[in-house]
Amino acid sequence: MQTAPSGVDIRYEPTDQPPVPLSAGLGIQMAVLTLGGIVLTPAIIIRSAGGTPEFLAWAVAAALVVSGISTILQALGKFRIGAGYVLLMGTSGAFIAICIEALRSGGPALMCTLIVMAALFQLLFAAHLSKFRRILTPAVSGTVIMLIAVTVMPILFDMLNDVPETAPASAAPVTALITVVTIAAIALRGTGLLRLWAPIIGVAFGTVTSLFYNIYDTQVLADASWLGFPTTGWPGLSFSLDTTFWTLLPAFIFVTMIGAIETIGDSIAVQRVSWRRPRAVDFRAVQGALSADGVGNLLSGLAGTIPNTTYSSSISMIELTGVAARRVGIALGITFLVVAFQPKILAVFLAIPGPVVAGFVIVLIAMLFVVGMRIVVQDGIDYRTSLIVGFAFWIGAGLQQGVIFPEVIGGFAGGILDSGMVGGGLVAILLTTLVAITKGRRHHLQTPFALTALGEIQEFIEKTATRYKWRPNDILRAQAAAEEALLILSAEQSGVDERKLKYLDLIIAQEEDGLSLEFVASDTQENIEDKIALLGRELSESSLEKDISLRMLRHLTSSVRHERYHNTEIVLLKVAQTVPA
């Protein structure tokens, strides 16, 4: 058995079929680990906004139904919806602040309408993902994720004191402290599976402590039935598109895009840990994950609950167990659907007092802040990135606190910049765009996607490289690399319906260490990165001629990157420039 990139032996790959008891057992275990987060996020939002108990019960049950359906869609990966991997879906903590604002400003119907509209944007984003690859950089997405913590933390701090007036003065601080300390201690010192159980154990300890203070709402648990589904509480949609709607819509779209970035990261990570032999990232699976996420958000708005997103805990479980089979994802989704019709189980979580819930989410939001930091530095950080992140973050923090020219900013564009997450994110996008524009000129050529265009491509490369005073031998090497890439892409097109053949776009840019040649073409059959990685394995005389272009390409370039999208192929070649003697 070969070893996965994560260092964990993969017992079952996504396409394998493990025994049903094993699949069901792992699915139930993953559901138990994440049930608290899925249930408590709507509870935080609706409690903070002063929502009715009927709407809370409905939203929690609907959240489980939507999470179950979208998790199954992710596992199946059919009709371009779903990644085809085990990706757990659940309610998104990133929406806490804006959902509370929507509930307070216009009620549940307005919130649900905004969720539906933002979901449509996400589906459009998924379909055209390749066009956004230069805008949503790690610096932008990481900064916005850090600003989510800045936006949500004040709300959580207010919840720390959410106890009955008759409760002892020590009730709130003690229960919250025990919750936080327990989660942190296990997360810091625990290993393996124990670390995954840290949030549930912490909530359990805080809840037991709340029983001693008599602040756990046992009446809610006693009144709940064992079977059933809420019959009241669905808010419907609001079609009065007033000023409040247009003010909040950009924020919902923005946070939905940030959730999409998280989904992109998770869908890339799950591909890296699910196979015995390392594979290049298939961006068609990433698009499928985004589409399933968008469908889940659309269903959330229609069903009257909080938007969802992917949970990275499913990736950790694959690393721990070595089981990446899609059957586990299906079993996980079915478990959520079953629990949605168990009001007694849901009441156990809904009765948890505010300080315990706040302590639990404070730990998660603190970790989310660090996730944002990791995203920022994942591809390295230079002075430009440092400036973008630092400037955007503190502008966002200042806007959130209302200390940056509040008399001007407060009335601008209907108050859209009152949200630090939106304001800081826009600053990060504007600065990133500015850097991209001023970084250097990109030279563009469009030709029919055919070998007959090779002469035009060679001439274009020579003309461009000559502008940058490249040496003749380096120009020939760049031309040879482009020829091999075109040969490979053209060979892969054999057997593809002629109607799918499109134009070939070639984009050349001068970088510090050489030229980058970016080919954007129509869909092909295999990934060039994978094929280069397999060179030297199981080589036979009959495959030698087939592999010669790949070997030449590997020799001529410093790096090859192949991103596969639906109906679009992007091959990025880096050709190093020889340093004159």
Protein backbone atom coordinates (compact mmCIF):
# COMPACT_ATOMS: atom_id res chain seq x y z
CA MET A 1 0.00 0.00 0.00
CA GLN A 2 1.34 3.39 -0.94
CA THR A 3 1.40 6.38 1.32
CA ALA A 4 -0.69 9.49 0.93
CA PRO A 5 0.92 12.90 0.81
CA SER A 6 -0.19 13.52 4.39
CA GLY A 7 1.81 10.55 5.61
CA VAL A 8 -1.31 8.50 6.37
CA ASP A 9 -2.04 5.13 4.79
CA ILE A 10 -5.21 5.43 2.73
CA ARG A 11 -7.27 2.30 3.24
CA TYR A 12 -10.13 3.33 0.97
CA GLU A 13 -9.93 5.90 -1.83
CA PRO A 14 -12.98 7.94 -2.88
CA THR A 15 -14.03 5.42 -5.52
CA ASP A 16 -13.63 2.38 -3.24
CA GLN A 17 -16.57 0.73 -1.50
CA PRO A 18 -15.79 -0.09 2.15
CA PRO A 19 -18.20 -2.28 4.18
CA VAL A 20 -21.49 -0.59 4.99
CA PRO A 21 -21.02 -0.88 8.80
CA LEU A 22 -17.64 0.88 8.53
CA SER A 23 -19.04 3.65 6.34
CA ALA A 24 -22.07 4.14 8.60
CA GLY A 25 -19.94 4.15 11.75
CA LEU A 26 -17.53 6.77 10.43
CA GLY A 27 -20.40 8.89 9.11
CA ILE A 28 -22.15 8.88 12.49
CA GLN A 29 -18.90 9.68 14.29
CA MET A 30 -18.22 12.69 12.05
CA ALA A 31 -21.81 13.86 12.54
CA VAL A 32 -21.49 13.73 16.33
CA LEU A 33 -18.25 15.73 16.16
CA THR A 34 -19.85 18.57 14.22
CA LEU A 35 -23.48 18.50 15.32
CA GLY A 36 -22.84 21.10 18.01
CA GLY A 37 -21.43 23.65 15.57
CA ILE A 38 -24.28 23.20 13.09
CA VAL A 39 -26.94 23.62 15.78
CA LEU A 40 -25.31 26.35 17.87
CA THR A 41 -24.55 28.79 15.04
CA PRO A 42 -28.24 29.45 14.28
CA ALA A 43 -28.87 29.58 18.03
CA ILE A 44 -26.27 32.34 18.44
CA ILE A 45 -27.64 34.39 15.57
CA ILE A 46 -31.32 34.12 16.44
CA ARG A 47 -30.81 34.60 20.18
CA SER A 48 -28.65 37.68 19.63
CA ALA A 49 -31.22 39.19 17.26
CA GLY A 50 -34.15 38.48 19.59
CA GLY A 51 -35.81 35.90 17.33
CA THR A 52 -38.80 33.84 18.42
CA PRO A 53 -38.45 30.28 19.82
CA GLU A 54 -40.54 28.99 16.91
CA PHE A 55 -38.16 30.45 14.34
CA LEU A 56 -35.16 29.12 16.28
CA ALA A 57 -36.54 25.57 16.35
CA TRP A 58 -37.37 25.73 12.64
CA ALA A 59 -33.99 27.20 11.65
CA VAL A 60 -32.04 24.54 13.55
CA ALA A 61 -33.99 21.63 12.05
CA ALA A 62 -33.81 23.15 8.57
CA ALA A 63 -30.05 23.69 8.96
CA LEU A 64 -29.56 19.97 9.58
CA VAL A 65 -31.69 19.04 6.58
CA VAL A 66 -29.76 21.39 4.28
CA SER A 67 -26.42 20.23 5.72
CA GLY A 68 -27.41 16.61 5.09
CA ILE A 69 -28.51 17.24 1.51
CA SER A 70 -25.45 19.33 0.60
CA THR A 71 -23.06 16.82 2.21
CA ILE A 72 -24.59 14.03 0.11
CA LEU A 73 -24.30 16.22 -3.01
CA GLN A 74 -20.61 16.80 -2.25
CA ALA A 75 -19.98 13.06 -1.95
CA LEU A 76 -21.89 12.09 -5.09
CA GLY A 77 -20.35 14.75 -7.36
CA LYS A 78 -22.93 14.40 -10.14
CA PHE A 79 -23.91 16.85 -12.90
CA ARG A 80 -21.11 19.26 -11.96
CA ILE A 81 -22.57 19.66 -8.46
CA GLY A 82 -20.37 18.30 -5.70
CA ALA A 83 -16.67 17.57 -5.42
CA GLY A 84 -16.96 13.78 -5.38
CA TYR A 85 -15.14 13.69 -2.03
CA VAL A 86 -16.06 13.50 1.65
CA LEU A 87 -16.70 17.17 2.42
CA LEU A 88 -18.82 17.84 5.47
CA MET A 89 -21.25 20.75 5.10
CA GLY A 90 -22.61 22.76 8.01
CA THR A 91 -23.75 26.23 9.08
CA SER A 92 -21.17 28.96 8.57
CA GLY A 93 -19.90 31.08 11.45
CA ALA A 94 -18.78 33.73 8.96
CA PHE A 95 -22.42 34.83 8.58
CA ILE A 96 -23.04 35.48 12.27
CA ALA A 97 -22.60 39.25 12.19
CA ILE A 98 -24.45 40.06 8.96
CA CYS A 99 -27.31 37.63 9.68
CA ILE A 100 -27.84 39.28 13.06
CA GLU A 101 -27.88 42.67 11.35
CA ALA A 102 -30.39 41.45 8.76
CA LEU A 103 -32.67 39.96 11.43
CA ARG A 104 -32.58 43.14 13.46
CA SER A 105 -33.13 45.39 10.43
CA GLY A 106 -35.81 43.52 8.51
CA GLY A 107 -36.60 40.20 10.15
CA PRO A 108 -36.14 36.56 9.05
CA ALA A 109 -37.79 37.00 5.65
CA LEU A 110 -35.31 39.70 4.64
CA MET A 111 -32.38 37.57 5.82
CA CYS A 112 -33.56 34.58 3.78
CA THR A 113 -34.06 36.69 0.64
CA LEU A 114 -30.53 38.05 0.97
CA ILE A 115 -29.16 34.52 1.37
CA VAL A 116 -30.94 33.39 -1.80
CA MET A 117 -29.60 36.32 -3.83
CA ALA A 118 -26.04 35.80 -2.57
CA ALA A 119 -26.26 32.08 -3.37
CA LEU A 120 -27.07 32.88 -7.00
CA PHE A 121 -23.89 34.94 -7.18
CA GLN A 122 -21.92 32.02 -5.75
CA LEU A 123 -23.26 29.64 -8.41
CA LEU A 124 -22.23 32.13 -11.07
CA PHE A 125 -18.82 32.43 -9.43
CA ALA A 126 -18.37 28.65 -9.46
CA ALA A 127 -19.19 28.44 -13.16
CA HIS A 128 -16.58 31.08 -14.01
CA LEU A 129 -13.99 30.28 -11.33
CA SER A 130 -11.02 30.42 -13.72
CA LYS A 131 -11.65 34.11 -14.42
CA PHE A 132 -11.26 35.11 -10.75
CA ARG A 133 -7.95 33.37 -10.06
CA ARG A 134 -5.94 36.63 -10.01
CA ILE A 135 -8.38 38.62 -7.84
CA LEU A 136 -9.10 36.35 -4.88
CA THR A 137 -5.49 35.97 -3.79
CA PRO A 138 -4.38 34.48 -0.45
CA ALA A 139 -3.74 38.03 0.82
CA VAL A 140 -7.33 39.08 0.11
CA SER A 141 -9.05 35.97 1.43
CA GLY A 142 -6.83 35.70 4.52
CA THR A 143 -7.40 39.33 5.45
CA VAL A 144 -11.17 39.03 5.20
CA ILE A 145 -11.17 35.84 7.29
CA MET A 146 -9.21 37.65 10.01
CA LEU A 147 -11.70 40.51 9.87
CA ILE A 148 -14.53 38.01 10.46
CA ALA A 149 -13.10 37.56 13.94
CA VAL A 150 -12.99 41.32 14.48
CA THR A 151 -16.66 41.55 13.49
CA VAL A 152 -17.98 38.59 15.48
CA MET A 153 -16.01 38.81 18.73
CA PRO A 154 -17.95 41.80 20.20
CA ILE A 155 -21.20 39.86 19.72
CA LEU A 156 -19.75 36.84 21.51
CA PHE A 157 -18.46 38.97 24.38
CA ASP A 158 -22.00 40.25 24.90
CA MET A 159 -23.28 36.66 25.04
CA LEU A 160 -20.94 35.85 27.91
CA ASN A 161 -23.39 37.59 30.25
CA ASP A 162 -26.54 36.06 28.76
CA VAL A 163 -27.91 34.41 31.94
CA PRO A 164 -31.14 34.85 33.94
CA GLU A 165 -31.20 37.84 36.27
CA THR A 166 -31.68 35.51 39.24
CA ALA A 167 -28.45 33.61 38.50
CA PRO A 168 -25.46 34.05 40.86
CA ALA A 169 -22.87 36.62 39.82
CA SER A 170 -20.26 33.89 39.26
CA ALA A 171 -22.50 31.77 36.99
CA ALA A 172 -21.59 33.39 33.66
CA PRO A 173 -17.80 33.75 34.15
CA VAL A 174 -17.32 30.30 35.68
CA THR A 175 -19.28 28.37 33.04
CA ALA A 176 -17.65 30.30 30.20
CA LEU A 177 -14.18 29.85 31.70
CA ILE A 178 -14.59 26.11 32.18
CA THR A 179 -15.79 25.76 28.60
CA VAL A 180 -12.88 27.70 27.11
CA VAL A 181 -10.21 26.16 29.35
CA THR A 182 -11.40 22.61 28.67
CA ILE A 183 -11.44 23.08 24.90
CA ALA A 184 -8.06 24.83 24.89
CA ALA A 185 -6.41 22.27 27.17
CA ILE A 186 -7.51 19.29 25.09
CA ALA A 187 -6.69 21.04 21.82
CA LEU A 188 -3.22 21.98 23.07
CA ARG A 189 -2.27 18.73 24.80
CA GLY A 190 -4.52 16.12 23.20
CA THR A 191 -3.49 14.00 20.25
CA GLY A 192 -5.24 12.14 17.44
CA LEU A 193 -8.97 11.64 17.72
CA LEU A 194 -9.14 13.28 21.16
CA ARG A 195 -8.37 16.68 19.64
CA LEU A 196 -11.38 16.40 17.33
CA TRP A 197 -13.61 15.83 20.35
CA ALA A 198 -12.28 18.91 22.19
CA PRO A 199 -15.21 21.25 21.31
CA ILE A 200 -17.88 18.72 22.34
CA ILE A 201 -16.07 17.85 25.58
CA GLY A 202 -15.68 21.54 26.42
CA VAL A 203 -19.38 22.24 25.83
CA ALA A 204 -20.27 19.17 27.91
CA PHE A 205 -18.16 20.37 30.85
CA GLY A 206 -19.62 23.89 30.60
CA THR A 207 -23.15 22.50 30.41
CA VAL A 208 -22.64 20.30 33.49
CA THR A 209 -21.34 23.36 35.35
CA SER A 210 -24.41 25.35 34.27
CA LEU A 211 -26.63 22.66 35.87
CA PHE A 212 -25.10 23.43 39.25
CA TYR A 213 -25.96 27.11 38.75
CA ASN A 214 -29.46 26.18 37.54
CA ILE A 215 -29.08 28.20 34.31
CA TYR A 216 -29.55 25.27 31.91
CA ASP A 217 -33.08 25.47 30.45
CA THR A 218 -34.29 21.97 31.29
CA GLN A 219 -37.86 22.93 30.44
CA VAL A 220 -36.98 23.20 26.73
CA LEU A 221 -35.62 19.67 26.85
CA ALA A 222 -38.64 18.34 28.73
CA ASP A 223 -41.11 19.91 26.29
CA ALA A 224 -39.39 18.53 23.17
CA SER A 225 -40.83 15.40 21.58
CA TRP A 226 -38.77 12.42 20.49
CA LEU A 227 -39.90 12.44 16.87
CA GLY A 228 -41.18 15.15 14.55
CA PHE A 229 -40.32 18.30 12.66
CA PRO A 230 -41.34 21.90 13.46
CA THR A 231 -44.62 22.82 11.77
CA THR A 232 -44.33 26.56 12.38
CA GLY A 233 -41.55 29.10 12.12
CA TRP A 234 -40.81 29.17 8.38
CA PRO A 235 -40.32 32.88 7.61
CA GLY A 236 -40.76 32.82 3.83
CA LEU A 237 -39.15 35.42 1.59
CA SER A 238 -39.48 39.19 1.42
CA PHE A 239 -40.06 40.83 -1.95
CA SER A 240 -40.03 44.42 -0.71
CA LEU A 241 -36.58 45.34 -2.01
CA ASP A 242 -36.20 48.51 0.01
CA THR A 243 -33.12 50.47 1.08
CA THR A 244 -32.27 47.96 3.81
CA PHE A 245 -32.13 45.15 1.28
CA TRP A 246 -29.75 47.00 -1.07
CA THR A 247 -27.60 48.12 1.85
CA LEU A 248 -27.10 44.59 3.17
CA LEU A 249 -26.88 42.73 -0.15
CA PRO A 250 -23.21 43.64 -0.88
CA ALA A 251 -22.22 42.40 2.58
CA PHE A 252 -24.02 39.09 2.06
CA ILE A 253 -22.42 38.64 -1.37
CA PHE A 254 -19.02 39.47 0.04
CA VAL A 255 -19.27 37.02 2.94
CA THR A 256 -20.63 34.36 0.59
CA MET A 257 -17.54 34.82 -1.59
CA ILE A 258 -15.35 34.48 1.49
CA GLY A 259 -17.15 31.25 2.34
CA ALA A 260 -16.48 30.18 -1.25
CA ILE A 261 -12.77 30.80 -0.70
CA GLU A 262 -12.91 28.55 2.36
CA THR A 263 -14.64 25.90 0.25
CA ILE A 264 -11.92 26.20 -2.40
CA GLY A 265 -9.26 25.60 0.25
CA ASP A 266 -11.06 22.60 1.72
CA SER A 267 -11.77 21.06 -1.69
CA ILE A 268 -8.09 21.35 -2.61
CA ALA A 269 -6.97 19.91 0.74
CA VAL A 270 -9.34 16.93 0.57
CA GLN A 271 -7.94 15.97 -2.83
CA ARG A 272 -4.43 15.92 -1.39
CA VAL A 273 -5.29 13.52 1.43
CA SER A 274 -7.74 11.18 -0.32
CA TRP A 275 -5.49 9.26 -2.73
CA ARG A 276 -2.65 6.80 -2.24
CA ARG A 277 -0.69 8.33 -5.11
CA PRO A 278 -0.33 12.15 -5.12
CA ARG A 279 -2.39 13.88 -7.79
CA ALA A 280 -2.50 17.37 -9.21
CA VAL A 281 -5.47 19.42 -8.02
CA ASP A 282 -8.51 18.98 -10.27
CA PHE A 283 -10.25 22.33 -10.34
CA ARG A 284 -13.34 20.73 -11.83
CA ALA A 285 -13.81 19.10 -8.43
CA VAL A 286 -13.25 22.52 -6.84
CA GLN A 287 -15.96 23.97 -9.08
CA GLY A 288 -18.24 21.10 -8.12
CA ALA A 289 -17.62 21.78 -4.42
CA LEU A 290 -18.45 25.45 -4.92
CA SER A 291 -21.62 24.57 -6.83
CA ALA A 292 -22.79 22.20 -4.07
CA ASP A 293 -22.01 24.91 -1.52
CA GLY A 294 -24.04 27.38 -3.59
CA VAL A 295 -26.95 24.95 -3.86
CA GLY A 296 -26.76 24.48 -0.09
CA ASN A 297 -26.91 28.23 0.47
CA LEU A 298 -29.81 28.53 -1.96
CA LEU A 299 -31.68 25.82 -0.06
CA SER A 300 -30.81 27.54 3.23
CA GLY A 301 -32.46 30.76 2.10
CA LEU A 302 -35.51 28.99 0.74
CA ALA A 303 -35.82 26.81 3.85
CA GLY A 304 -35.39 29.72 6.25
CA THR A 305 -32.06 28.99 7.93
CA ILE A 306 -28.40 30.06 8.06
CA PRO A 307 -26.04 29.58 5.07
CA ASN A 308 -23.62 26.69 5.12
CA THR A 309 -20.02 25.99 4.16
CA THR A 310 -17.52 23.13 4.17
CA TYR A 311 -16.01 21.98 7.46
CA SER A 312 -12.32 21.06 7.41
CA SER A 313 -12.89 18.47 10.17
CA SER A 314 -13.79 15.93 7.48
CA ILE A 315 -10.24 16.32 6.10
CA SER A 316 -8.79 15.67 9.56
CA MET A 317 -10.93 12.55 9.88
CA ILE A 318 -9.64 11.21 6.56
CA GLU A 319 -6.08 11.74 7.76
CA LEU A 320 -6.82 9.95 11.03
CA THR A 321 -8.77 7.00 9.66
CA GLY A 322 -7.38 6.59 6.15
CA VAL A 323 -10.93 6.25 4.79
CA ALA A 324 -11.84 8.68 2.00
CA ALA A 325 -14.65 6.68 0.37
CA ARG A 326 -17.69 8.61 -0.83
CA ARG A 327 -19.90 6.18 1.05
CA VAL A 328 -18.79 7.85 4.29
CA GLY A 329 -20.01 11.24 3.03
CA ILE A 330 -23.37 9.76 2.07
CA ALA A 331 -23.71 8.12 5.50
CA LEU A 332 -22.78 11.42 7.13
CA GLY A 333 -25.47 13.31 5.22
CA ILE A 334 -28.10 10.70 6.04
CA THR A 335 -27.21 11.01 9.73
CA PHE A 336 -27.89 14.75 9.65
CA LEU A 337 -31.26 14.12 7.98
CA VAL A 338 -32.24 11.61 10.65
CA VAL A 339 -31.21 13.88 13.53
CA ALA A 340 -33.26 16.74 12.02
CA PHE A 341 -36.39 14.73 12.92
CA GLN A 342 -35.24 14.16 16.52
CA PRO A 343 -36.39 17.29 18.45
CA LYS A 344 -35.19 15.86 21.76
CA ILE A 345 -31.59 15.71 20.52
CA LEU A 346 -31.79 19.24 19.14
CA ALA A 347 -33.28 20.53 22.41
CA VAL A 348 -30.18 19.31 24.27
CA PHE A 349 -28.16 21.89 22.33
CA LEU A 350 -30.76 24.65 22.24
CA ALA A 351 -31.02 24.65 26.03
CA ILE A 352 -27.29 25.32 26.50
CA PRO A 353 -26.85 28.73 28.22
CA GLY A 354 -25.28 31.72 26.46
CA PRO A 355 -21.90 31.77 28.29
CA VAL A 356 -21.20 28.16 27.28
CA VAL A 357 -22.15 28.79 23.66
CA ALA A 358 -20.09 31.99 23.58
CA GLY A 359 -17.06 30.22 25.09
CA PHE A 360 -17.32 27.48 22.49
CA VAL A 361 -17.55 29.88 19.55
CA ILE A 362 -14.84 32.21 20.89
CA VAL A 363 -12.34 29.35 20.59
CA LEU A 364 -13.49 28.57 17.05
CA ILE A 365 -13.35 32.22 15.96
CA ALA A 366 -9.88 32.58 17.48
CA MET A 367 -8.78 29.59 15.43
CA LEU A 368 -10.45 31.09 12.36
CA PHE A 369 -8.31 34.20 12.83
CA VAL A 370 -5.18 32.04 12.73
CA VAL A 371 -6.49 30.25 9.63
CA GLY A 372 -6.64 33.64 7.95
CA MET A 373 -3.03 34.30 8.94
CA ARG A 374 -1.95 30.97 7.48
CA ILE A 375 -3.71 31.68 4.21
CA VAL A 376 -1.90 35.01 3.93
CA VAL A 377 1.56 33.46 4.30
CA GLN A 378 0.95 30.15 2.50
CA ASP A 379 2.64 31.31 -0.73
CA GLY A 380 5.21 33.51 0.98
CA ILE A 381 4.89 37.14 1.99
CA ASP A 382 6.83 40.10 0.63
CA TYR A 383 6.66 43.79 1.44
CA ARG A 384 3.77 44.32 -1.00
CA THR A 385 1.67 41.59 0.58
CA SER A 386 2.56 42.88 4.05
CA LEU A 387 1.37 46.35 3.12
CA ILE A 388 -1.88 45.07 1.58
CA VAL A 389 -2.73 42.87 4.56
CA GLY A 390 -1.71 45.34 7.26
CA PHE A 391 -3.42 48.33 5.67
CA ALA A 392 -6.64 46.47 4.79
CA PHE A 393 -6.90 44.79 8.20
CA TRP A 394 -6.56 47.95 10.25
CA ILE A 395 -8.81 49.95 7.95
CA GLY A 396 -11.40 47.19 8.39
CA ALA A 397 -10.95 47.18 12.17
CA GLY A 398 -11.34 50.96 12.28
CA LEU A 399 -14.48 50.87 10.17
CA GLN A 400 -15.96 48.16 12.39
CA GLN A 401 -15.36 50.29 15.47
CA GLY A 402 -16.80 53.37 13.77
CA VAL A 403 -13.73 55.53 14.41
CA ILE A 404 -12.74 56.38 10.81
CA PHE A 405 -14.62 59.55 9.83
CA PRO A 406 -17.97 58.14 11.03
CA GLU A 407 -19.87 61.27 9.94
CA VAL A 408 -18.78 60.59 6.33
CA ILE A 409 -18.44 56.80 6.17
CA GLY A 410 -21.72 56.14 7.99
CA GLY A 411 -23.83 57.62 5.21
CA PHE A 412 -21.75 56.41 2.28
CA ALA A 413 -23.49 53.93 -0.06
CA GLY A 414 -26.22 53.25 2.45
CA GLY A 415 -23.78 52.39 5.23
CA ILE A 416 -22.13 49.49 3.41
CA LEU A 417 -18.73 50.41 4.87
CA ASP A 418 -20.00 50.15 8.43
CA SER A 419 -18.96 46.50 8.21
CA GLY A 420 -15.23 46.18 8.77
CA MET A 421 -15.21 42.89 6.92
CA VAL A 422 -16.67 44.46 3.76
CA GLY A 423 -14.65 47.67 3.98
CA GLY A 424 -11.36 45.94 4.73
CA GLY A 425 -11.99 43.34 2.05
CA LEU A 426 -12.66 46.01 -0.56
CA VAL A 427 -9.44 47.77 0.39
CA ALA A 428 -7.52 44.50 0.01
CA ILE A 429 -9.06 43.86 -3.43
CA LEU A 430 -8.33 47.41 -4.63
CA LEU A 431 -4.70 47.25 -3.48
CA THR A 432 -4.23 43.80 -5.01
CA THR A 433 -5.67 45.03 -8.30
CA LEU A 434 -3.36 48.05 -8.19
CA VAL A 435 -0.31 45.82 -7.68
CA ALA A 436 -1.38 43.56 -10.54
CA ILE A 437 -1.86 46.51 -12.89
CA THR A 438 1.49 48.10 -12.06
CA LYS A 439 3.46 44.85 -11.82
CA GLY A 440 4.17 44.62 -15.52
CA ARG A 441 2.57 44.36 -18.90
CA ARG A 442 0.94 41.13 -20.02
CA HIS A 443 1.22 40.33 -23.71
CA HIS A 444 -1.81 38.57 -25.16
CA LEU A 445 -2.32 36.47 -28.29
CA GLN A 446 -5.47 34.64 -29.35
CA THR A 447 -5.41 31.99 -32.06
CA PRO A 448 -7.52 29.01 -33.12
CA PHE A 449 -6.71 25.98 -30.99
CA ALA A 450 -4.80 23.96 -33.58
CA LEU A 451 -1.25 22.91 -34.41
CA THR A 452 -1.39 25.18 -37.44
CA ALA A 453 -1.15 28.13 -35.03
CA LEU A 454 2.33 27.06 -33.88
CA GLY A 455 4.12 29.41 -36.27
CA GLU A 456 2.16 32.40 -35.05
CA ILE A 457 2.81 31.41 -31.44
CA GLN A 458 6.57 31.04 -32.03
CA GLU A 459 6.73 34.43 -33.70
CA PHE A 460 4.78 36.01 -30.82
CA ILE A 461 7.16 34.51 -28.23
CA GLU A 462 10.23 35.69 -30.14
CA LYS A 463 8.85 39.20 -30.49
CA THR A 464 7.91 39.43 -26.81
CA ALA A 465 11.15 37.95 -25.47
CA THR A 466 13.21 40.21 -27.70
CA ARG A 467 11.57 43.22 -26.06
CA TYR A 468 12.98 42.02 -22.75
CA LYS A 469 16.42 41.52 -24.36
CA TRP A 470 16.47 37.76 -23.98
CA ARG A 471 19.39 35.83 -25.40
CA PRO A 472 18.69 33.77 -28.57
CA ASN A 473 19.19 30.42 -26.81
CA ASP A 474 16.68 31.38 -24.10
CA ILE A 475 14.15 32.42 -26.73
CA LEU A 476 14.55 29.06 -28.47
CA ARG A 477 14.00 27.28 -25.16
CA ALA A 478 10.78 29.23 -24.52
CA GLN A 479 9.59 28.48 -28.04
CA ALA A 480 10.37 24.78 -27.62
CA ALA A 481 8.48 24.65 -24.32
CA ALA A 482 5.45 26.29 -25.92
CA GLU A 483 5.60 23.82 -28.80
CA GLU A 484 5.65 20.80 -26.48
CA ALA A 485 2.76 22.20 -24.42
CA LEU A 486 0.70 22.74 -27.57
CA LEU A 487 1.51 19.24 -28.81
CA ILE A 488 0.40 17.70 -25.52
CA LEU A 489 -2.83 19.70 -25.35
CA SER A 490 -3.61 18.92 -28.98
CA ALA A 491 -2.97 15.21 -28.48
CA GLU A 492 -5.26 15.19 -25.47
CA GLN A 493 -8.01 16.77 -27.59
CA SER A 494 -8.18 13.73 -29.86
CA GLY A 495 -11.56 12.12 -29.43
CA VAL A 496 -13.14 15.28 -28.01
CA ASP A 497 -16.25 16.57 -29.75
CA GLU A 498 -15.24 19.22 -32.28
CA ARG A 499 -17.89 21.55 -30.89
CA LYS A 500 -15.88 21.80 -27.66
CA LEU A 501 -12.77 23.09 -29.40
CA LYS A 502 -12.22 26.77 -28.67
CA TYR A 503 -9.64 29.43 -29.21
CA LEU A 504 -6.26 29.31 -27.55
CA ASP A 505 -5.23 32.32 -25.50
CA LEU A 506 -1.52 32.77 -24.79
CA ILE A 507 -0.54 35.31 -22.13
CA ILE A 508 3.15 36.13 -21.63
CA ALA A 509 4.56 38.14 -18.75
CA GLN A 510 8.12 38.96 -17.73
CA GLU A 511 8.90 38.00 -14.13
CA GLU A 512 11.99 38.37 -11.99
CA ASP A 513 13.31 34.90 -12.83
CA GLY A 514 12.13 34.57 -16.43
CA LEU A 515 9.03 34.37 -18.59
CA SER A 516 5.64 32.96 -17.66
CA LEU A 517 3.65 31.47 -20.52
CA GLU A 518 -0.02 30.92 -19.73
CA PHE A 519 -2.08 28.81 -22.15
CA VAL A 520 -5.87 28.97 -21.80
CA ALA A 521 -7.53 26.29 -23.94
CA SER A 522 -10.55 23.98 -24.12
CA ASP A 523 -11.12 20.83 -22.10
CA THR A 524 -8.58 17.97 -22.30
CA GLN A 525 -8.53 14.41 -21.05
CA GLU A 526 -5.70 14.22 -18.51
CA ASN A 527 -3.63 16.48 -16.29
CA ILE A 528 -0.15 17.32 -17.56
CA GLU A 529 1.21 17.65 -14.00
CA ASP A 530 0.08 14.11 -13.21
CA LYS A 531 1.61 12.76 -16.40
CA ILE A 532 4.96 14.45 -15.74
CA ALA A 533 4.94 13.07 -12.18
CA LEU A 534 4.44 9.56 -13.56
CA LEU A 535 7.42 9.77 -15.92
CA GLY A 536 9.82 6.94 -15.21
CA ARG A 537 7.12 4.69 -13.73
CA GLU A 538 6.06 1.65 -15.67
CA LEU A 539 7.92 2.94 -18.76
CA SER A 540 7.69 0.64 -21.74
CA GLU A 541 8.95 0.89 -25.30
CA SER A 542 5.45 1.64 -26.57
CA SER A 543 5.07 4.59 -24.18
CA LEU A 544 8.45 6.17 -24.95
CA GLU A 545 7.23 8.15 -27.97
CA LYS A 546 4.10 9.24 -26.10
CA ASP A 547 6.17 10.56 -23.18
CA ILE A 548 8.80 12.40 -25.17
CA SER A 549 6.89 15.70 -25.17
CA LEU A 550 6.39 15.49 -21.42
CA ARG A 551 10.08 14.82 -20.87
CA MET A 552 11.05 17.72 -23.10
CA LEU A 553 8.62 20.00 -21.29
CA ARG A 554 10.03 19.04 -17.92
CA HIS A 555 13.55 19.69 -19.20
CA LEU A 556 12.80 23.07 -20.78
CA THR A 557 10.83 24.67 -17.93
CA SER A 558 11.43 25.48 -14.29
CA SER A 559 7.82 24.66 -13.39
CA VAL A 560 4.62 23.41 -14.98
CA ARG A 561 1.18 24.05 -13.52
CA HIS A 562 -2.00 22.64 -15.04
CA GLU A 563 -5.38 23.82 -13.77
CA ARG A 564 -8.39 21.98 -15.16
CA TYR A 565 -11.79 23.65 -15.11
CA HIS A 566 -15.01 22.67 -16.83
CA ASN A 567 -14.47 23.45 -20.54
CA THR A 568 -11.28 25.39 -19.75
CA GLU A 569 -7.65 24.33 -19.43
CA ILE A 570 -4.95 26.60 -18.04
CA VAL A 571 -1.31 25.53 -18.41
CA LEU A 572 1.24 27.86 -16.84
CA LEU A 573 4.88 27.38 -17.84
CA LYS A 574 7.81 29.13 -16.18
CA VAL A 575 10.89 29.43 -18.40
CA ALA A 576 13.97 30.64 -16.55
CA GLN A 577 16.30 33.18 -18.10
CA THR A 578 19.97 32.28 -18.34
CA VAL A 579 22.24 34.60 -16.41
CA PRO A 580 24.94 36.00 -18.73
CA ALA A 581 28.44 34.79 -17.92
